[in-house]
Amino acid sequence: MRYLLVSLFFLALLPGCFRPTIPISTGPKYPIDIFYENQSPGRLYEVLQEMESRKELPLDKSQNADGRMLSRGNTMQDKELLLARLSLEAQKAGADALVNVKYTYYTTKTMNGYLLTGQAVKYRAEN
């Protein structure tokens, strides 16, 4: 019984000894810090400017049939592309981060629309 308990103890520790050979990505990397509207950078900053990125696309035939919408066409790739574009614009404006980022998706009878807003900010020097 004692050997069984010792064996179970070592088996429980074993998975912690190995690391994956390929690092697991936690998502896309942007040139500046990104904080959504429910997050805070945890440091003082100064707002440089309001930022906005939008894109509208006509509905395609696979999204609409017999007057019913079958698919909205909203993908994570679309959102990430808009956020990458917005973060590059903020970086060019001298920002260290985007805060209060909000993503909105809307659909009309003929269009898909994406809107991404946020504030480009510069961190204040810590004293």
C-alpha atoms as a PDB file:
ATOM      1  CA  MET A   1       0.000   0.000   0.000  1.00  0.00           C
ATOM      2  CA  ARG A   2       2.865   2.344   0.874  1.00  0.00           C
ATOM      3  CA  TYR A   3       4.497   1.805  -2.528  1.00  0.00           C
ATOM      4  CA  LEU A   4       1.207   2.528  -4.246  1.00  0.00           C
ATOM      5  CA  LEU A   5       0.862   5.878  -2.464  1.00  0.00           C
ATOM      6  CA  VAL A   6       4.465   6.856  -3.251  1.00  0.00           C
ATOM      7  CA  SER A   7       3.961   5.861  -6.898  1.00  0.00           C
ATOM      8  CA  LEU A   8       0.764   7.922  -7.153  1.00  0.00           C
ATOM      9  CA  PHE A   9       2.554  10.890  -5.585  1.00  0.00           C
ATOM     10  CA  PHE A  10       5.350  10.767  -8.181  1.00  0.00           C
ATOM     11  CA  LEU A  11       2.895  10.257 -11.021  1.00  0.00           C
ATOM     12  CA  ALA A  12       1.029  13.368  -9.889  1.00  0.00           C
ATOM     13  CA  LEU A  13       4.278  15.389 -10.032  1.00  0.00           C
ATOM     14  CA  LEU A  14       5.387  14.009 -13.397  1.00  0.00           C
ATOM     15  CA  PRO A  15       3.274  16.229 -15.728  1.00  0.00           C
ATOM     16  CA  GLY A  16       4.793  19.360 -14.159  1.00  0.00           C
ATOM     17  CA  CYS A  17       8.276  18.242 -15.233  1.00  0.00           C
ATOM     18  CA  PHE A  18       7.601  18.476 -18.952  1.00  0.00           C
ATOM     19  CA  ARG A  19       7.216  21.567 -21.102  1.00  0.00           C
ATOM     20  CA  PRO A  20       5.785  21.578 -24.613  1.00  0.00           C
ATOM     21  CA  THR A  21       8.426  21.851 -27.336  1.00  0.00           C
ATOM     22  CA  ILE A  22       6.252  24.299 -29.273  1.00  0.00           C
ATOM     23  CA  PRO A  23       5.217  27.344 -27.233  1.00  0.00           C
ATOM     24  CA  ILE A  24       1.475  27.822 -27.013  1.00  0.00           C
ATOM     25  CA  SER A  25       0.372  31.202 -28.360  1.00  0.00           C
ATOM     26  CA  THR A  26      -2.004  33.267 -26.278  1.00  0.00           C
ATOM     27  CA  GLY A  27      -3.324  35.196 -29.255  1.00  0.00           C
ATOM     28  CA  PRO A  28      -2.185  37.824 -31.697  1.00  0.00           C
ATOM     29  CA  LYS A  29       0.600  40.231 -30.776  1.00  0.00           C
ATOM     30  CA  TYR A  30       0.125  43.932 -31.451  1.00  0.00           C
ATOM     31  CA  PRO A  31       2.788  46.662 -31.570  1.00  0.00           C
ATOM     32  CA  ILE A  32       1.272  48.420 -28.522  1.00  0.00           C
ATOM     33  CA  ASP A  33      -0.660  47.323 -25.435  1.00  0.00           C
ATOM     34  CA  ILE A  34      -4.399  46.725 -25.909  1.00  0.00           C
ATOM     35  CA  PHE A  35      -6.972  47.152 -23.122  1.00  0.00           C
ATOM     36  CA  TYR A  36     -10.679  46.546 -23.714  1.00  0.00           C
ATOM     37  CA  GLU A  37     -13.347  48.705 -22.083  1.00  0.00           C
ATOM     38  CA  ASN A  38     -13.510  46.485 -18.988  1.00  0.00           C
ATOM     39  CA  GLN A  39      -9.709  46.426 -18.481  1.00  0.00           C
ATOM     40  CA  SER A  40      -7.203  48.905 -17.077  1.00  0.00           C
ATOM     41  CA  PRO A  41      -3.501  49.288 -17.874  1.00  0.00           C
ATOM     42  CA  GLY A  42      -2.737  49.703 -14.173  1.00  0.00           C
ATOM     43  CA  ARG A  43      -0.649  52.820 -14.717  1.00  0.00           C
ATOM     44  CA  LEU A  44      -1.271  56.495 -15.343  1.00  0.00           C
ATOM     45  CA  TYR A  45      -1.645  57.687 -18.904  1.00  0.00           C
ATOM     46  CA  GLU A  46      -2.533  60.692 -21.012  1.00  0.00           C
ATOM     47  CA  VAL A  47      -5.092  60.405 -23.818  1.00  0.00           C
ATOM     48  CA  LEU A  48      -3.576  61.424 -27.164  1.00  0.00           C
ATOM     49  CA  GLN A  49      -6.631  60.971 -29.376  1.00  0.00           C
ATOM     50  CA  GLU A  50      -9.795  59.004 -30.038  1.00  0.00           C
ATOM     51  CA  MET A  51      -9.261  56.248 -32.601  1.00  0.00           C
ATOM     52  CA  GLU A  52     -11.731  54.504 -34.896  1.00  0.00           C
ATOM     53  CA  SER A  53     -11.523  51.821 -37.542  1.00  0.00           C
ATOM     54  CA  ARG A  54     -14.484  50.638 -39.548  1.00  0.00           C
ATOM     55  CA  LYS A  55     -15.201  48.353 -42.448  1.00  0.00           C
ATOM     56  CA  GLU A  56     -18.396  47.633 -44.347  1.00  0.00           C
ATOM     57  CA  LEU A  57     -18.888  44.755 -46.739  1.00  0.00           C
ATOM     58  CA  PRO A  58     -21.918  43.835 -48.821  1.00  0.00           C
ATOM     59  CA  LEU A  59     -23.680  40.627 -47.828  1.00  0.00           C
ATOM     60  CA  ASP A  60     -22.768  37.784 -50.128  1.00  0.00           C
ATOM     61  CA  LYS A  61     -25.190  35.222 -51.546  1.00  0.00           C
ATOM     62  CA  SER A  62     -24.253  32.567 -48.966  1.00  0.00           C
ATOM     63  CA  GLN A  63     -25.374  34.868 -46.144  1.00  0.00           C
ATOM     64  CA  ASN A  64     -28.865  35.583 -47.427  1.00  0.00           C
ATOM     65  CA  ALA A  65     -31.546  33.290 -48.838  1.00  0.00           C
ATOM     66  CA  ASP A  66     -35.273  33.862 -49.331  1.00  0.00           C
ATOM     67  CA  GLY A  67     -35.103  37.107 -47.368  1.00  0.00           C
ATOM     68  CA  ARG A  68     -33.538  35.401 -44.330  1.00  0.00           C
ATOM     69  CA  MET A  69     -30.044  35.996 -43.052  1.00  0.00           C
ATOM     70  CA  LEU A  70     -28.207  32.686 -42.744  1.00  0.00           C
ATOM     71  CA  SER A  71     -24.817  33.961 -41.626  1.00  0.00           C
ATOM     72  CA  ARG A  72     -23.560  37.263 -40.267  1.00  0.00           C
ATOM     73  CA  GLY A  73     -20.026  36.920 -41.598  1.00  0.00           C
ATOM     74  CA  ASN A  74     -18.508  38.039 -38.306  1.00  0.00           C
ATOM     75  CA  THR A  75     -15.143  36.315 -37.780  1.00  0.00           C
ATOM     76  CA  MET A  76     -12.281  36.656 -35.304  1.00  0.00           C
ATOM     77  CA  GLN A  77      -9.941  37.280 -38.248  1.00  0.00           C
ATOM     78  CA  ASP A  78     -11.961  40.367 -39.222  1.00  0.00           C
ATOM     79  CA  LYS A  79     -11.810  41.656 -35.653  1.00  0.00           C
ATOM     80  CA  GLU A  80      -8.075  40.980 -35.310  1.00  0.00           C
ATOM     81  CA  LEU A  81      -7.336  42.681 -38.624  1.00  0.00           C
ATOM     82  CA  LEU A  82      -9.243  45.814 -37.566  1.00  0.00           C
ATOM     83  CA  LEU A  83      -7.469  45.823 -34.206  1.00  0.00           C
ATOM     84  CA  ALA A  84      -4.057  45.408 -35.863  1.00  0.00           C
ATOM     85  CA  ARG A  85      -4.821  48.313 -38.196  1.00  0.00           C
ATOM     86  CA  LEU A  86      -6.022  50.488 -35.314  1.00  0.00           C
ATOM     87  CA  SER A  87      -2.992  49.643 -33.157  1.00  0.00           C
ATOM     88  CA  LEU A  88      -0.608  50.574 -36.000  1.00  0.00           C
ATOM     89  CA  GLU A  89      -2.364  53.926 -36.427  1.00  0.00           C
ATOM     90  CA  ALA A  90      -2.136  54.552 -32.681  1.00  0.00           C
ATOM     91  CA  GLN A  91       1.557  53.621 -32.689  1.00  0.00           C
ATOM     92  CA  LYS A  92       2.193  56.100 -35.524  1.00  0.00           C
ATOM     93  CA  ALA A  93       0.480  58.759 -33.383  1.00  0.00           C
ATOM     94  CA  GLY A  94       3.014  58.051 -30.603  1.00  0.00           C
ATOM     95  CA  ALA A  95       0.787  55.923 -28.371  1.00  0.00           C
ATOM     96  CA  ASP A  96       2.008  53.285 -25.943  1.00  0.00           C
ATOM     97  CA  ALA A  97      -1.417  51.640 -25.692  1.00  0.00           C
ATOM     98  CA  LEU A  98      -5.041  51.583 -26.787  1.00  0.00           C
ATOM     99  CA  VAL A  99      -7.541  51.761 -23.919  1.00  0.00           C
ATOM    100  CA  ASN A 100     -11.321  51.487 -23.732  1.00  0.00           C
ATOM    101  CA  VAL A 101     -11.318  49.415 -26.923  1.00  0.00           C
ATOM    102  CA  LYS A 102     -14.821  48.475 -28.025  1.00  0.00           C
ATOM    103  CA  TYR A 103     -15.769  46.241 -30.947  1.00  0.00           C
ATOM    104  CA  THR A 104     -19.206  46.613 -32.523  1.00  0.00           C
ATOM    105  CA  TYR A 105     -20.685  44.518 -35.305  1.00  0.00           C
ATOM    106  CA  TYR A 106     -23.807  45.519 -37.168  1.00  0.00           C
ATOM    107  CA  THR A 107     -25.821  44.200 -40.076  1.00  0.00           C
ATOM    108  CA  THR A 108     -28.262  45.883 -42.414  1.00  0.00           C
ATOM    109  CA  LYS A 109     -30.360  44.335 -45.127  1.00  0.00           C
ATOM    110  CA  THR A 110     -27.451  44.605 -47.572  1.00  0.00           C
ATOM    111  CA  MET A 111     -24.270  45.161 -45.521  1.00  0.00           C
ATOM    112  CA  ASN A 112     -22.071  43.774 -42.724  1.00  0.00           C
ATOM    113  CA  GLY A 113     -20.373  46.456 -40.672  1.00  0.00           C
ATOM    114  CA  TYR A 114     -17.546  46.392 -38.167  1.00  0.00           C
ATOM    115  CA  LEU A 115     -16.571  49.291 -35.911  1.00  0.00           C
ATOM    116  CA  LEU A 116     -13.629  49.348 -33.516  1.00  0.00           C
ATOM    117  CA  THR A 117     -13.067  52.349 -31.253  1.00  0.00           C
ATOM    118  CA  GLY A 118     -10.562  53.189 -28.539  1.00  0.00           C
ATOM    119  CA  GLN A 119      -8.309  55.857 -27.109  1.00  0.00           C
ATOM    120  CA  ALA A 120      -4.645  56.114 -28.046  1.00  0.00           C
ATOM    121  CA  VAL A 121      -2.720  56.871 -24.862  1.00  0.00           C
ATOM    122  CA  LYS A 122       0.825  57.668 -23.768  1.00  0.00           C
ATOM    123  CA  TYR A 123       2.004  56.271 -20.438  1.00  0.00           C
ATOM    124  CA  ARG A 124       3.146  58.831 -17.871  1.00  0.00           C
ATOM    125  CA  ALA A 125       6.623  58.464 -16.442  1.00  0.00           C
ATOM    126  CA  GLU A 126       6.627  56.695 -13.097  1.00  0.00           C
ATOM    127  CA  ASN A 127       8.280  58.641 -10.294  1.00  0.00           C
END
